[in-house]
Amino acid sequence: MKSCPFCKEQVNDEAIKCRYCQSMLLSLQGADLKSGENSRVTYILDRDLVRFGKFAGAVLAVFLVAGAYLFGFKLDSALDKVRDTQDELKATHEKLATAQRDLEAAQTAVKGLKGMSKPC
């Protein structure tokens, strides 16, 4: 048995955490870090902290689902908007391709006219 440096209660020699004051009994300058062979750091999570994280995630999910339902997020209308945008994009792409072909034809015509105007 050894005494806790914080509350002076008797705890087991192998104890990592004091059962009375809940303080950590291992220091960062422990034997594992000094040896250099095993330089890993071990993090200890509190079970209640993990439980709270799960609870907070579940509450957030419930709020998201309820908000989507109450504010009328309609998947069909969003899908229709996406389809309309895709159709507009296709039409714009076709117009751009047509304009590019016209530009290439005009450049070819200009090159032909330049070639004809040069004296031999």
N, C-alpha and C. Protein backbone atom coordinates (compact mmCIF):
# COMPACT_ATOMS: atom_id res chain seq x y z
N MET A 1 0.85 -1.19 0.00
CA MET A 1 0.00 0.00 0.00
C MET A 1 0.89 1.24 0.00
N LYS A 2 0.41 2.26 -0.69
CA LYS A 2 1.09 3.55 -0.70
C LYS A 2 0.06 4.62 -0.45
N SER A 3 0.51 5.80 -0.11
CA SER A 3 -0.43 6.88 0.17
C SER A 3 -0.53 7.80 -1.04
N CYS A 4 -1.73 8.29 -1.28
CA CYS A 4 -2.00 9.22 -2.38
C CYS A 4 -1.34 10.56 -2.05
N PRO A 5 -0.60 11.16 -2.98
CA PRO A 5 0.07 12.43 -2.69
C PRO A 5 -0.90 13.60 -2.55
N PHE A 6 -2.15 13.44 -2.97
CA PHE A 6 -3.11 14.53 -2.93
C PHE A 6 -4.03 14.49 -1.70
N CYS A 7 -4.57 13.28 -1.42
CA CYS A 7 -5.51 13.19 -0.29
C CYS A 7 -4.94 12.39 0.89
N LYS A 8 -3.77 11.81 0.72
CA LYS A 8 -3.06 11.06 1.77
C LYS A 8 -3.79 9.80 2.22
N GLU A 9 -4.70 9.27 1.39
CA GLU A 9 -5.37 8.01 1.70
C GLU A 9 -4.51 6.85 1.20
N GLN A 10 -4.69 5.69 1.79
CA GLN A 10 -3.93 4.50 1.41
C GLN A 10 -4.57 3.86 0.18
N VAL A 11 -3.74 3.63 -0.86
CA VAL A 11 -4.20 2.98 -2.09
C VAL A 11 -3.23 1.85 -2.42
N ASN A 12 -3.63 0.96 -3.32
CA ASN A 12 -2.76 -0.15 -3.74
C ASN A 12 -1.53 0.38 -4.45
N ASP A 13 -0.45 -0.41 -4.40
CA ASP A 13 0.79 -0.02 -5.06
C ASP A 13 0.63 0.05 -6.58
N GLU A 14 -0.21 -0.81 -7.15
CA GLU A 14 -0.40 -0.85 -8.60
C GLU A 14 -1.45 0.14 -9.10
N ALA A 15 -2.05 0.92 -8.20
CA ALA A 15 -3.14 1.83 -8.57
C ALA A 15 -2.65 2.92 -9.51
N ILE A 16 -3.49 3.24 -10.49
CA ILE A 16 -3.21 4.31 -11.44
C ILE A 16 -3.97 5.58 -11.05
N LYS A 17 -5.16 5.37 -10.47
CA LYS A 17 -6.02 6.48 -10.10
C LYS A 17 -6.50 6.27 -8.67
N CYS A 18 -6.49 7.33 -7.89
CA CYS A 18 -6.92 7.24 -6.49
C CYS A 18 -8.44 7.07 -6.44
N ARG A 19 -8.88 6.11 -5.67
CA ARG A 19 -10.32 5.86 -5.59
C ARG A 19 -11.04 6.86 -4.71
N TYR A 20 -10.33 7.64 -3.93
CA TYR A 20 -10.95 8.61 -3.03
C TYR A 20 -11.08 9.99 -3.68
N CYS A 21 -9.97 10.50 -4.23
CA CYS A 21 -10.00 11.86 -4.79
C CYS A 21 -10.00 11.86 -6.32
N GLN A 22 -9.94 10.68 -6.95
CA GLN A 22 -9.98 10.51 -8.41
C GLN A 22 -8.81 11.16 -9.13
N SER A 23 -7.69 11.39 -8.45
CA SER A 23 -6.52 11.99 -9.08
C SER A 23 -5.64 10.90 -9.67
N MET A 24 -4.91 11.24 -10.72
CA MET A 24 -4.01 10.29 -11.37
C MET A 24 -2.74 10.15 -10.52
N LEU A 25 -2.31 8.93 -10.31
CA LEU A 25 -1.13 8.67 -9.49
C LEU A 25 0.13 8.50 -10.32
N LEU A 26 0.00 8.42 -11.65
CA LEU A 26 1.16 8.29 -12.52
C LEU A 26 1.59 9.67 -12.97
N SER A 27 2.88 9.92 -12.95
CA SER A 27 3.38 11.19 -13.44
C SER A 27 3.86 11.02 -14.88
N LEU A 28 4.06 12.10 -15.60
CA LEU A 28 4.55 12.04 -16.97
C LEU A 28 6.00 11.63 -17.03
N GLN A 29 6.71 11.70 -15.93
CA GLN A 29 8.11 11.31 -15.89
C GLN A 29 8.25 9.92 -15.30
N GLY A 30 7.35 9.03 -15.67
CA GLY A 30 7.36 7.67 -15.14
C GLY A 30 8.48 6.85 -15.73
N ALA A 31 8.56 5.60 -15.32
CA ALA A 31 9.63 4.71 -15.75
C ALA A 31 9.55 4.40 -17.23
N ASP A 32 8.34 4.36 -17.81
CA ASP A 32 8.19 4.05 -19.22
C ASP A 32 8.79 5.13 -20.10
N LEU A 33 8.63 6.40 -19.73
CA LEU A 33 9.14 7.49 -20.54
C LEU A 33 10.64 7.68 -20.37
N LYS A 34 11.17 7.32 -19.23
CA LYS A 34 12.60 7.48 -18.99
C LYS A 34 13.42 6.44 -19.73
N SER A 35 12.87 5.25 -19.91
CA SER A 35 13.64 4.17 -20.48
C SER A 35 13.99 4.42 -21.94
N GLY A 36 13.14 5.11 -22.68
CA GLY A 36 13.39 5.38 -24.09
C GLY A 36 12.99 4.23 -24.99
N GLU A 37 12.91 3.01 -24.48
CA GLU A 37 12.51 1.87 -25.28
C GLU A 37 11.03 1.92 -25.59
N ASN A 38 10.25 2.25 -24.61
CA ASN A 38 8.81 2.26 -24.76
C ASN A 38 8.32 3.69 -24.55
N SER A 39 8.38 4.51 -25.58
CA SER A 39 8.08 5.93 -25.42
C SER A 39 6.65 6.27 -25.85
N ARG A 40 5.72 5.38 -25.60
CA ARG A 40 4.33 5.64 -25.93
C ARG A 40 3.63 6.30 -24.76
N VAL A 41 2.66 7.15 -25.07
CA VAL A 41 1.86 7.80 -24.04
C VAL A 41 0.49 7.14 -24.05
N THR A 42 -0.01 6.79 -22.88
CA THR A 42 -1.30 6.16 -22.77
C THR A 42 -2.29 7.18 -22.20
N TYR A 43 -3.39 7.38 -22.92
CA TYR A 43 -4.44 8.27 -22.46
C TYR A 43 -5.55 7.44 -21.85
N ILE A 44 -6.02 7.86 -20.72
CA ILE A 44 -7.08 7.16 -20.04
C ILE A 44 -8.34 8.00 -20.13
N LEU A 45 -9.39 7.43 -20.73
CA LEU A 45 -10.66 8.13 -20.88
C LEU A 45 -11.59 7.75 -19.75
N ASP A 46 -12.29 8.72 -19.30
CA ASP A 46 -13.28 8.48 -18.26
C ASP A 46 -14.52 7.88 -18.92
N ARG A 47 -15.10 6.87 -18.33
CA ARG A 47 -16.28 6.22 -18.88
C ARG A 47 -17.44 7.20 -19.00
N ASP A 48 -17.57 8.11 -18.04
CA ASP A 48 -18.67 9.08 -18.08
C ASP A 48 -18.49 10.08 -19.21
N LEU A 49 -17.24 10.41 -19.55
CA LEU A 49 -16.98 11.33 -20.66
C LEU A 49 -17.40 10.68 -21.98
N VAL A 50 -17.09 9.42 -22.16
CA VAL A 50 -17.50 8.70 -23.36
C VAL A 50 -19.02 8.61 -23.43
N ARG A 51 -19.64 8.32 -22.31
CA ARG A 51 -21.10 8.23 -22.25
C ARG A 51 -21.74 9.57 -22.60
N PHE A 52 -21.16 10.67 -22.10
CA PHE A 52 -21.68 12.00 -22.42
C PHE A 52 -21.51 12.31 -23.90
N GLY A 53 -20.39 11.91 -24.50
CA GLY A 53 -20.18 12.13 -25.93
C GLY A 53 -21.22 11.40 -26.76
N LYS A 54 -21.52 10.17 -26.39
CA LYS A 54 -22.56 9.43 -27.10
C LYS A 54 -23.92 10.09 -26.95
N PHE A 55 -24.22 10.55 -25.74
CA PHE A 55 -25.49 11.22 -25.49
C PHE A 55 -25.60 12.50 -26.31
N ALA A 56 -24.52 13.30 -26.33
CA ALA A 56 -24.54 14.57 -27.08
C ALA A 56 -24.72 14.29 -28.58
N GLY A 57 -24.08 13.26 -29.10
CA GLY A 57 -24.25 12.90 -30.51
C GLY A 57 -25.68 12.47 -30.82
N ALA A 58 -26.28 11.70 -29.92
CA ALA A 58 -27.66 11.26 -30.13
C ALA A 58 -28.62 12.44 -30.09
N VAL A 59 -28.42 13.37 -29.16
CA VAL A 59 -29.29 14.54 -29.07
C VAL A 59 -29.16 15.39 -30.32
N LEU A 60 -27.95 15.56 -30.82
CA LEU A 60 -27.73 16.33 -32.05
C LEU A 60 -28.44 15.66 -33.23
N ALA A 61 -28.35 14.35 -33.31
CA ALA A 61 -29.02 13.63 -34.40
C ALA A 61 -30.53 13.80 -34.31
N VAL A 62 -31.09 13.75 -33.12
CA VAL A 62 -32.54 13.94 -32.96
C VAL A 62 -32.94 15.34 -33.39
N PHE A 63 -32.15 16.35 -33.00
CA PHE A 63 -32.46 17.72 -33.41
C PHE A 63 -32.39 17.88 -34.93
N LEU A 64 -31.41 17.26 -35.57
CA LEU A 64 -31.30 17.36 -37.02
C LEU A 64 -32.48 16.70 -37.73
N VAL A 65 -32.87 15.54 -37.26
CA VAL A 65 -34.00 14.85 -37.88
C VAL A 65 -35.29 15.62 -37.64
N ALA A 66 -35.51 16.09 -36.42
CA ALA A 66 -36.72 16.86 -36.12
C ALA A 66 -36.74 18.16 -36.90
N GLY A 67 -35.61 18.84 -37.02
CA GLY A 67 -35.56 20.09 -37.78
C GLY A 67 -35.84 19.87 -39.25
N ALA A 68 -35.28 18.78 -39.81
CA ALA A 68 -35.53 18.48 -41.22
C ALA A 68 -37.01 18.16 -41.44
N TYR A 69 -37.63 17.49 -40.49
CA TYR A 69 -39.05 17.14 -40.63
C TYR A 69 -39.94 18.37 -40.45
N LEU A 70 -39.65 19.17 -39.42
CA LEU A 70 -40.51 20.32 -39.13
C LEU A 70 -40.36 21.44 -40.14
N PHE A 71 -39.17 21.68 -40.64
CA PHE A 71 -38.97 22.77 -41.58
C PHE A 71 -39.21 22.34 -43.01
N GLY A 72 -39.67 21.14 -43.21
CA GLY A 72 -40.12 20.69 -44.52
C GLY A 72 -39.03 20.53 -45.55
N PHE A 73 -37.94 19.95 -45.17
CA PHE A 73 -36.91 19.68 -46.16
C PHE A 73 -37.44 18.59 -47.08
N LYS A 74 -37.75 18.98 -48.30
CA LYS A 74 -38.35 18.05 -49.24
C LYS A 74 -37.28 17.58 -50.21
N LEU A 75 -37.01 16.31 -50.17
CA LEU A 75 -35.97 15.73 -51.00
C LEU A 75 -36.36 15.78 -52.47
N ASP A 76 -37.65 15.62 -52.76
CA ASP A 76 -38.09 15.64 -54.15
C ASP A 76 -37.86 17.01 -54.79
N SER A 77 -38.18 18.07 -54.07
CA SER A 77 -37.98 19.41 -54.64
C SER A 77 -36.50 19.71 -54.82
N ALA A 78 -35.67 19.25 -53.90
CA ALA A 78 -34.22 19.44 -54.04
C ALA A 78 -33.70 18.67 -55.25
N LEU A 79 -34.21 17.47 -55.47
CA LEU A 79 -33.80 16.66 -56.60
C LEU A 79 -34.24 17.31 -57.92
N ASP A 80 -35.45 17.89 -57.95
CA ASP A 80 -35.91 18.60 -59.14
C ASP A 80 -35.03 19.80 -59.45
N LYS A 81 -34.60 20.52 -58.42
CA LYS A 81 -33.71 21.66 -58.63
C LYS A 81 -32.37 21.22 -59.19
N VAL A 82 -31.87 20.11 -58.71
CA VAL A 82 -30.60 19.58 -59.21
C VAL A 82 -30.74 19.19 -60.67
N ARG A 83 -31.84 18.55 -61.03
CA ARG A 83 -32.07 18.16 -62.43
C ARG A 83 -32.17 19.38 -63.33
N ASP A 84 -32.90 20.41 -62.88
CA ASP A 84 -33.02 21.64 -63.66
C ASP A 84 -31.65 22.28 -63.87
N THR A 85 -30.84 22.30 -62.84
CA THR A 85 -29.50 22.87 -62.94
C THR A 85 -28.64 22.07 -63.91
N GLN A 86 -28.77 20.75 -63.88
CA GLN A 86 -28.02 19.91 -64.82
C GLN A 86 -28.44 20.17 -66.25
N ASP A 87 -29.75 20.34 -66.49
CA ASP A 87 -30.23 20.63 -67.84
C ASP A 87 -29.70 21.98 -68.33
N GLU A 88 -29.72 22.98 -67.45
CA GLU A 88 -29.19 24.29 -67.82
C GLU A 88 -27.69 24.19 -68.13
N LEU A 89 -26.98 23.40 -67.36
CA LEU A 89 -25.55 23.23 -67.58
C LEU A 89 -25.28 22.56 -68.93
N LYS A 90 -26.08 21.55 -69.29
CA LYS A 90 -25.92 20.89 -70.58
C LYS A 90 -26.18 21.88 -71.72
N ALA A 91 -27.25 22.69 -71.59
CA ALA A 91 -27.55 23.67 -72.64
C ALA A 91 -26.43 24.68 -72.77
N THR A 92 -25.90 25.14 -71.67
CA THR A 92 -24.79 26.10 -71.71
C THR A 92 -23.56 25.46 -72.33
N HIS A 93 -23.30 24.21 -72.02
CA HIS A 93 -22.16 23.50 -72.59
C HIS A 93 -22.30 23.38 -74.12
N GLU A 94 -23.53 23.08 -74.60
CA GLU A 94 -23.76 23.00 -76.04
C GLU A 94 -23.55 24.35 -76.71
N LYS A 95 -24.02 25.42 -76.08
CA LYS A 95 -23.82 26.77 -76.63
C LYS A 95 -22.34 27.11 -76.68
N LEU A 96 -21.61 26.72 -75.65
CA LEU A 96 -20.17 26.98 -75.61
C LEU A 96 -19.44 26.21 -76.71
N ALA A 97 -19.83 24.97 -76.94
CA ALA A 97 -19.21 24.17 -78.00
C ALA A 97 -19.49 24.78 -79.37
N THR A 98 -20.72 25.25 -79.58
CA THR A 98 -21.08 25.90 -80.85
C THR A 98 -20.27 27.18 -81.04
N ALA A 99 -20.15 27.98 -80.00
CA ALA A 99 -19.38 29.22 -80.08
C ALA A 99 -17.91 28.92 -80.35
N GLN A 100 -17.39 27.84 -79.79
CA GLN A 100 -15.99 27.48 -80.01
C GLN A 100 -15.77 27.06 -81.47
N ARG A 101 -16.69 26.31 -82.03
CA ARG A 101 -16.58 25.91 -83.44
C ARG A 101 -16.65 27.13 -84.35
N ASP A 102 -17.56 28.08 -84.04
CA ASP A 102 -17.66 29.31 -84.83
C ASP A 102 -16.37 30.11 -84.76
N LEU A 103 -15.78 30.17 -83.56
CA LEU A 103 -14.53 30.91 -83.38
C LEU A 103 -13.40 30.26 -84.19
N GLU A 104 -13.32 28.93 -84.16
CA GLU A 104 -12.28 28.25 -84.94
C GLU A 104 -12.47 28.48 -86.43
N ALA A 105 -13.73 28.48 -86.90
CA ALA A 105 -14.00 28.76 -88.32
C ALA A 105 -13.60 30.19 -88.68
N ALA A 106 -13.89 31.13 -87.79
CA ALA A 106 -13.51 32.52 -88.05
C ALA A 106 -12.00 32.67 -88.06
N GLN A 107 -11.29 31.98 -87.17
CA GLN A 107 -9.82 32.06 -87.14
C GLN A 107 -9.24 31.47 -88.43
N THR A 108 -9.83 30.39 -88.91
CA THR A 108 -9.37 29.79 -90.16
C THR A 108 -9.59 30.75 -91.32
N ALA A 109 -10.76 31.41 -91.33
CA ALA A 109 -11.05 32.38 -92.39
C ALA A 109 -10.07 33.55 -92.35
N VAL A 110 -9.73 34.03 -91.18
CA VAL A 110 -8.79 35.14 -91.04
C VAL A 110 -7.41 34.72 -91.53
N LYS A 111 -6.98 33.50 -91.17
CA LYS A 111 -5.68 33.02 -91.63
C LYS A 111 -5.65 32.91 -93.16
N GLY A 112 -6.77 32.45 -93.74
CA GLY A 112 -6.86 32.36 -95.20
C GLY A 112 -6.79 33.73 -95.86
N LEU A 113 -7.47 34.71 -95.25
CA LEU A 113 -7.43 36.06 -95.82
C LEU A 113 -6.05 36.68 -95.69
N LYS A 114 -5.36 36.40 -94.58
CA LYS A 114 -4.00 36.92 -94.41
C LYS A 114 -3.06 36.30 -95.43
N GLY A 115 -3.24 35.02 -95.70
CA GLY A 115 -2.40 34.34 -96.69
C GLY A 115 -2.63 34.87 -98.10
N MET A 116 -3.86 35.27 -98.41
CA MET A 116 -4.17 35.79 -99.74
C MET A 116 -3.65 37.21 -99.93
N SER A 117 -3.57 37.96 -98.85
CA SER A 117 -3.16 39.37 -98.97
C SER A 117 -1.67 39.55 -99.04
N LYS A 118 -0.86 38.57 -98.72
CA LYS A 118 0.58 38.69 -98.75
C LYS A 118 1.07 38.67 -100.22
N PRO A 119 1.96 39.68 -100.56
CA PRO A 119 2.52 39.65 -101.92
C PRO A 119 3.61 38.59 -102.03
N CYS A 120 3.73 38.02 -103.19
CA CYS A 120 4.73 36.98 -103.43
C CYS A 120 6.05 37.53 -103.80
